[in-house]
Amino acid sequence: MLTMPFATQSIAKSADSGVLLAQVYQGGIDVRQYLVSEKFDGVRAVWDGNSLHTRTGRAIAAPAWFTKDLPNTPLDGELWLGRGKFEVLSSAVRKNVPIDEEWRGISYLIFELPNASGDFQARAKRIAEIVKQANVAHLKAVTQFHIKNDAQLQIKLKQIVAIGGEGLMLHRADAPYITGRSDVLLKLKLLLDAEATVVSHTAGRGKYQGKLGALVVETPEGVRFKLGTGFSDAQRANPPKIGSMVTYTYRDVTKNGKPKFASFLRVRNEP
């Protein structure tokens, strides 16, 4: 595998600096330097050896049977119910008192070892060993694989999307463990996504009379725009609250920084 000095990689800290967060894949890189995995549409969960919490530190109330046999080793991964089941998963995971039956199909997919030594390739191997040794049915190691070139990467992306997947993650194989938003970890999707804060609601017209027409949202960069598509009838009747953070998809941005073809995806599952 070709290597490049890790020092050339840039790191940008964020409010979620306790974990590693991905940058958007832009192309023009040597994909042979990365390990690739499916991007799972789950809830990020960090295991500190005793309890589960979100990437911002909020406790996740998992059933005792779900965590009692997890290893003492700190783990980072996704709680996942299956492709296209994020809303059901989020509802189960956010409850202060967990409901056993709602957790029965949830897996804990591990893709990182917090504060572990060695490069990511070594850590990925160690993850597989830890999961095998733990022998817990719902604890699973995320499959990591190599890609030869960008053409092969795009083929794999289309295959994943065709079966209902979100996209792909690319993690520099030679990267030490770091936190914050960094280009050692890249996400690749057919549609881009981002987050914005709801600042107001606009009233609907016609068939949406008496319901939500659009959300007025603001990006972290201060760009405001209307988000008017992607909502179910139930969401239009009970729209995301002002002040809440939502995730939206888009294809590109205008010269003024506004997203093109923006569509509501979901309310972010963390405060």
Protein backbone atom coordinates (compact mmCIF):
# COMPACT_ATOMS: atom_id res chain seq x y z
CA MET A 1 0.00 0.00 0.00
CA LEU A 2 1.27 3.48 -0.85
CA THR A 3 1.81 5.79 2.08
CA MET A 4 1.98 9.51 2.56
CA PRO A 5 3.25 11.37 5.63
CA PHE A 6 0.40 11.71 8.09
CA ALA A 7 1.50 15.26 8.90
CA THR A 8 -0.03 16.45 5.61
CA GLN A 9 -3.51 15.69 6.92
CA SER A 10 -5.44 18.63 8.37
CA ILE A 11 -7.54 18.48 11.52
CA ALA A 12 -10.40 20.82 12.36
CA LYS A 13 -11.78 20.71 15.88
CA SER A 14 -15.53 20.78 16.49
CA ALA A 15 -18.02 20.76 19.34
CA ASP A 16 -17.95 16.96 19.10
CA SER A 17 -14.18 16.79 19.52
CA GLY A 18 -14.39 13.80 21.84
CA VAL A 19 -14.67 11.53 18.80
CA LEU A 20 -13.42 11.50 15.22
CA LEU A 21 -15.82 13.09 12.75
CA ALA A 22 -15.71 12.79 8.97
CA GLN A 23 -15.11 15.31 6.24
CA VAL A 24 -16.91 15.00 2.88
CA TYR A 25 -15.08 13.01 0.19
CA GLN A 26 -14.03 15.36 -2.61
CA GLY A 27 -12.04 13.05 -4.87
CA GLY A 28 -8.47 13.47 -6.00
CA ILE A 29 -7.02 11.19 -3.34
CA ASP A 30 -5.23 7.86 -3.53
CA VAL A 31 -7.96 5.54 -2.26
CA ARG A 32 -5.39 2.75 -1.78
CA GLN A 33 -4.26 4.57 1.37
CA TYR A 34 -7.66 4.07 2.98
CA LEU A 35 -9.72 1.31 4.52
CA VAL A 36 -13.32 1.49 3.30
CA SER A 37 -16.53 0.42 5.01
CA GLU A 38 -20.27 0.89 4.62
CA LYS A 39 -21.69 4.07 6.18
CA PHE A 40 -24.39 2.86 8.54
CA ASP A 41 -27.49 4.95 9.24
CA GLY A 42 -27.40 4.48 13.00
CA VAL A 43 -26.88 6.30 16.28
CA ARG A 44 -23.25 6.98 17.21
CA ALA A 45 -22.49 5.33 20.55
CA VAL A 46 -19.32 5.33 22.64
CA TRP A 47 -18.72 2.58 25.23
CA ASP A 48 -16.35 3.69 27.99
CA GLY A 49 -16.05 0.20 29.50
CA ASN A 50 -19.02 0.74 31.82
CA SER A 51 -21.75 2.66 30.00
CA LEU A 52 -22.93 3.88 26.61
CA HIS A 53 -23.17 7.53 25.65
CA THR A 54 -23.62 9.65 22.54
CA ARG A 55 -20.81 11.51 20.82
CA THR A 56 -21.70 14.60 22.88
CA GLY A 57 -21.64 12.68 26.15
CA ARG A 58 -25.37 12.15 26.75
CA ALA A 59 -26.09 8.82 28.45
CA ILE A 60 -27.83 6.15 26.39
CA ALA A 61 -30.22 4.08 28.51
CA ALA A 62 -29.59 0.61 27.11
CA PRO A 63 -31.07 -2.51 28.74
CA ALA A 64 -28.75 -4.21 31.24
CA TRP A 65 -28.62 -7.38 29.12
CA PHE A 66 -27.37 -5.35 26.15
CA THR A 67 -24.29 -4.03 27.95
CA LYS A 68 -23.50 -6.60 30.66
CA ASP A 69 -21.18 -8.73 28.50
CA LEU A 70 -19.52 -5.93 26.54
CA PRO A 71 -15.73 -5.86 27.02
CA ASN A 72 -13.98 -3.47 29.42
CA THR A 73 -12.19 -1.96 26.42
CA PRO A 74 -13.53 1.46 25.28
CA LEU A 75 -15.34 1.17 21.94
CA ASP A 76 -16.75 3.56 19.36
CA GLY A 77 -19.42 2.58 16.86
CA GLU A 78 -23.03 2.74 15.73
CA LEU A 79 -26.19 1.35 17.26
CA TRP A 80 -27.93 0.00 14.17
CA LEU A 81 -31.27 -1.66 13.48
CA GLY A 82 -31.01 -2.13 9.72
CA ARG A 83 -30.98 -0.12 6.50
CA GLY A 84 -33.80 2.40 6.31
CA LYS A 85 -34.81 1.95 9.97
CA PHE A 86 -33.23 5.02 11.54
CA GLU A 87 -36.46 6.55 12.85
CA VAL A 88 -37.47 3.35 14.67
CA LEU A 89 -33.94 2.98 16.03
CA SER A 90 -33.77 6.60 17.19
CA SER A 91 -37.10 6.26 19.01
CA ALA A 92 -35.86 3.20 20.89
CA VAL A 93 -32.45 4.61 21.79
CA ARG A 94 -33.70 8.00 23.00
CA LYS A 95 -36.03 6.59 25.67
CA ASN A 96 -34.96 7.22 29.26
CA VAL A 97 -36.38 3.83 30.20
CA PRO A 98 -35.43 1.26 27.54
CA ILE A 99 -37.99 -1.19 26.20
CA ASP A 100 -36.42 -4.63 25.83
CA GLU A 101 -38.36 -5.63 22.73
CA GLU A 102 -37.32 -2.46 20.91
CA TRP A 103 -33.66 -3.30 21.56
CA ARG A 104 -33.81 -6.96 20.50
CA GLY A 105 -32.84 -6.30 16.88
CA ILE A 106 -30.28 -3.58 17.57
CA SER A 107 -26.60 -4.31 16.87
CA TYR A 108 -23.57 -2.40 18.12
CA LEU A 109 -21.24 -2.03 15.14
CA ILE A 110 -17.68 -1.15 16.15
CA PHE A 111 -15.36 0.90 13.91
CA GLU A 112 -12.90 2.50 16.34
CA LEU A 113 -10.98 1.99 19.60
CA PRO A 114 -10.78 5.27 21.56
CA ASN A 115 -7.24 6.27 22.57
CA ALA A 116 -5.74 2.98 21.31
CA SER A 117 -2.19 2.91 19.98
CA GLY A 118 -1.14 1.95 16.47
CA ASP A 119 -2.47 3.03 13.10
CA PHE A 120 -6.06 2.44 11.99
CA GLN A 121 -5.22 -0.73 10.10
CA ALA A 122 -3.82 -2.21 13.33
CA ARG A 123 -6.81 -0.96 15.33
CA ALA A 124 -9.26 -2.48 12.84
CA LYS A 125 -7.55 -5.84 13.28
CA ARG A 126 -7.70 -5.44 17.06
CA ILE A 127 -11.44 -4.61 16.86
CA ALA A 128 -12.10 -7.90 15.08
CA GLU A 129 -10.15 -9.76 17.79
CA ILE A 130 -12.00 -8.03 20.64
CA VAL A 131 -15.40 -8.73 19.11
CA LYS A 132 -14.57 -12.37 18.50
CA GLN A 133 -13.30 -12.82 22.05
CA ALA A 134 -16.35 -11.11 23.58
CA ASN A 135 -18.69 -13.49 21.74
CA VAL A 136 -21.72 -11.21 22.13
CA ALA A 137 -24.33 -11.69 19.40
CA HIS A 138 -25.20 -8.01 19.00
CA LEU A 139 -21.56 -6.81 19.14
CA LYS A 140 -20.05 -6.75 15.64
CA ALA A 141 -16.93 -5.41 13.97
CA VAL A 142 -17.52 -3.18 10.95
CA THR A 143 -16.03 -4.85 7.87
CA GLN A 144 -13.11 -2.86 6.49
CA PHE A 145 -11.76 -3.44 2.98
CA HIS A 146 -9.33 -1.98 0.44
CA ILE A 147 -10.31 -0.32 -2.84
CA LYS A 148 -7.95 -0.17 -5.84
CA ASN A 149 -9.09 3.06 -7.51
CA ASP A 150 -11.82 5.68 -7.68
CA ALA A 151 -13.76 3.80 -10.37
CA GLN A 152 -14.01 0.76 -8.10
CA LEU A 153 -15.01 3.05 -5.23
CA GLN A 154 -17.91 4.49 -7.24
CA ILE A 155 -19.08 1.00 -8.23
CA LYS A 156 -19.06 -0.08 -4.58
CA LEU A 157 -20.98 3.06 -3.61
CA LYS A 158 -23.73 2.29 -6.13
CA GLN A 159 -23.93 -1.30 -4.89
CA ILE A 160 -24.38 -0.17 -1.29
CA VAL A 161 -27.00 2.44 -2.21
CA ALA A 162 -28.87 -0.12 -4.33
CA ILE A 163 -29.47 -2.30 -1.26
CA GLY A 164 -30.64 0.64 0.85
CA GLY A 165 -27.32 1.72 2.34
CA GLU A 166 -26.29 5.32 2.99
CA GLY A 167 -22.85 5.36 1.46
CA LEU A 168 -19.22 4.63 2.29
CA MET A 169 -16.63 5.69 4.87
CA LEU A 170 -12.92 5.98 4.06
CA HIS A 171 -10.43 5.93 6.96
CA ARG A 172 -6.70 6.52 6.43
CA ALA A 173 -5.06 3.17 7.16
CA ASP A 174 -1.94 4.86 8.57
CA ALA A 175 -3.78 7.31 10.85
CA PRO A 176 -3.19 7.25 14.60
CA TYR A 177 -6.20 7.71 16.87
CA ILE A 178 -7.33 11.34 16.80
CA THR A 179 -10.50 13.26 17.62
CA GLY A 180 -12.30 16.20 16.05
CA ARG A 181 -13.33 16.69 12.43
CA SER A 182 -10.53 15.50 10.17
CA ASP A 183 -9.86 14.44 6.60
CA VAL A 184 -8.31 11.17 7.80
CA LEU A 185 -11.97 10.07 7.80
CA LEU A 186 -14.13 10.76 4.74
CA LYS A 187 -17.77 10.07 3.98
CA LEU A 188 -19.00 9.40 0.47
CA LYS A 189 -22.68 9.52 -0.48
CA LEU A 190 -24.66 10.06 -3.67
CA LEU A 191 -26.23 13.03 -1.90
CA LEU A 192 -24.41 15.33 0.49
CA ASP A 193 -25.88 16.06 3.91
CA ALA A 194 -25.46 18.75 6.53
CA GLU A 195 -27.13 20.12 9.64
CA ALA A 196 -28.92 23.39 10.37
CA THR A 197 -30.92 24.95 13.19
CA VAL A 198 -34.65 25.63 12.82
CA VAL A 199 -35.30 29.37 13.27
CA SER A 200 -38.97 29.59 12.18
CA HIS A 201 -41.88 27.85 10.44
CA THR A 202 -43.80 29.02 7.39
CA ALA A 203 -47.47 28.10 6.93
CA GLY A 204 -48.50 25.63 4.29
CA ARG A 205 -50.90 26.32 1.42
CA GLY A 206 -53.27 24.22 -0.61
CA LYS A 207 -53.16 20.61 0.56
CA TYR A 208 -50.84 21.70 3.37
CA GLN A 209 -53.24 24.35 4.69
CA GLY A 210 -53.01 24.41 8.46
CA LYS A 211 -49.74 22.46 8.41
CA LEU A 212 -46.06 23.21 7.89
CA GLY A 213 -45.11 24.71 4.57
CA ALA A 214 -41.37 24.95 5.14
CA LEU A 215 -38.75 25.31 7.82
CA VAL A 216 -36.54 28.37 7.83
CA VAL A 217 -33.16 27.05 8.94
CA GLU A 218 -29.70 28.48 9.54
CA THR A 219 -26.40 26.72 8.93
CA PRO A 220 -23.44 26.97 11.33
CA GLU A 221 -21.96 29.46 8.84
CA GLY A 222 -25.00 31.75 9.22
CA VAL A 223 -26.66 30.95 5.87
CA ARG A 224 -30.48 30.94 6.07
CA PHE A 225 -32.77 29.16 3.64
CA LYS A 226 -36.15 27.44 3.43
CA LEU A 227 -36.41 23.69 3.72
CA GLY A 228 -39.74 22.70 2.19
CA THR A 229 -39.46 19.13 0.90
CA GLY A 230 -38.84 15.70 2.40
CA PHE A 231 -41.51 15.89 5.11
CA SER A 232 -44.16 13.26 5.78
CA ASP A 233 -47.74 14.38 6.48
CA ALA A 234 -47.17 13.54 10.15
CA GLN A 235 -44.05 15.72 10.24
CA ARG A 236 -45.90 18.61 8.60
CA ALA A 237 -48.62 18.31 11.26
CA ASN A 238 -46.02 18.18 14.05
CA PRO A 239 -42.91 19.88 12.63
CA PRO A 240 -39.45 20.05 14.24
CA LYS A 241 -39.40 22.62 17.03
CA ILE A 242 -37.78 26.02 16.68
CA GLY A 243 -34.26 25.72 18.02
CA SER A 244 -33.93 22.05 17.13
CA MET A 245 -31.23 20.81 14.78
CA VAL A 246 -32.19 19.00 11.59
CA THR A 247 -30.25 17.09 8.97
CA TYR A 248 -30.93 17.79 5.29
CA THR A 249 -29.61 16.44 2.00
CA TYR A 250 -28.49 18.50 -0.99
CA ARG A 251 -26.59 18.19 -4.26
CA ASP A 252 -24.41 21.30 -4.36
CA VAL A 253 -24.27 24.88 -3.11
CA THR A 254 -24.82 28.21 -4.85
CA LYS A 255 -22.18 30.95 -4.98
CA ASN A 256 -23.94 32.44 -1.92
CA GLY A 257 -23.51 29.21 0.01
CA LYS A 258 -27.14 28.07 -0.14
CA PRO A 259 -27.70 24.35 -0.75
CA LYS A 260 -29.24 23.28 -4.04
CA PHE A 261 -32.19 20.84 -4.02
CA ALA A 262 -32.19 20.72 -0.22
CA SER A 263 -34.55 18.16 1.34
CA PHE A 264 -35.35 17.43 4.98
CA LEU A 265 -33.93 14.12 6.19
CA ARG A 266 -34.53 13.95 9.96
CA VAL A 267 -34.28 15.71 13.29
CA ARG A 268 -30.80 15.20 14.72
CA ASN A 269 -31.06 12.58 17.44
CA GLU A 270 -29.03 14.57 19.98
CA PRO A 271 -29.68 17.92 21.62
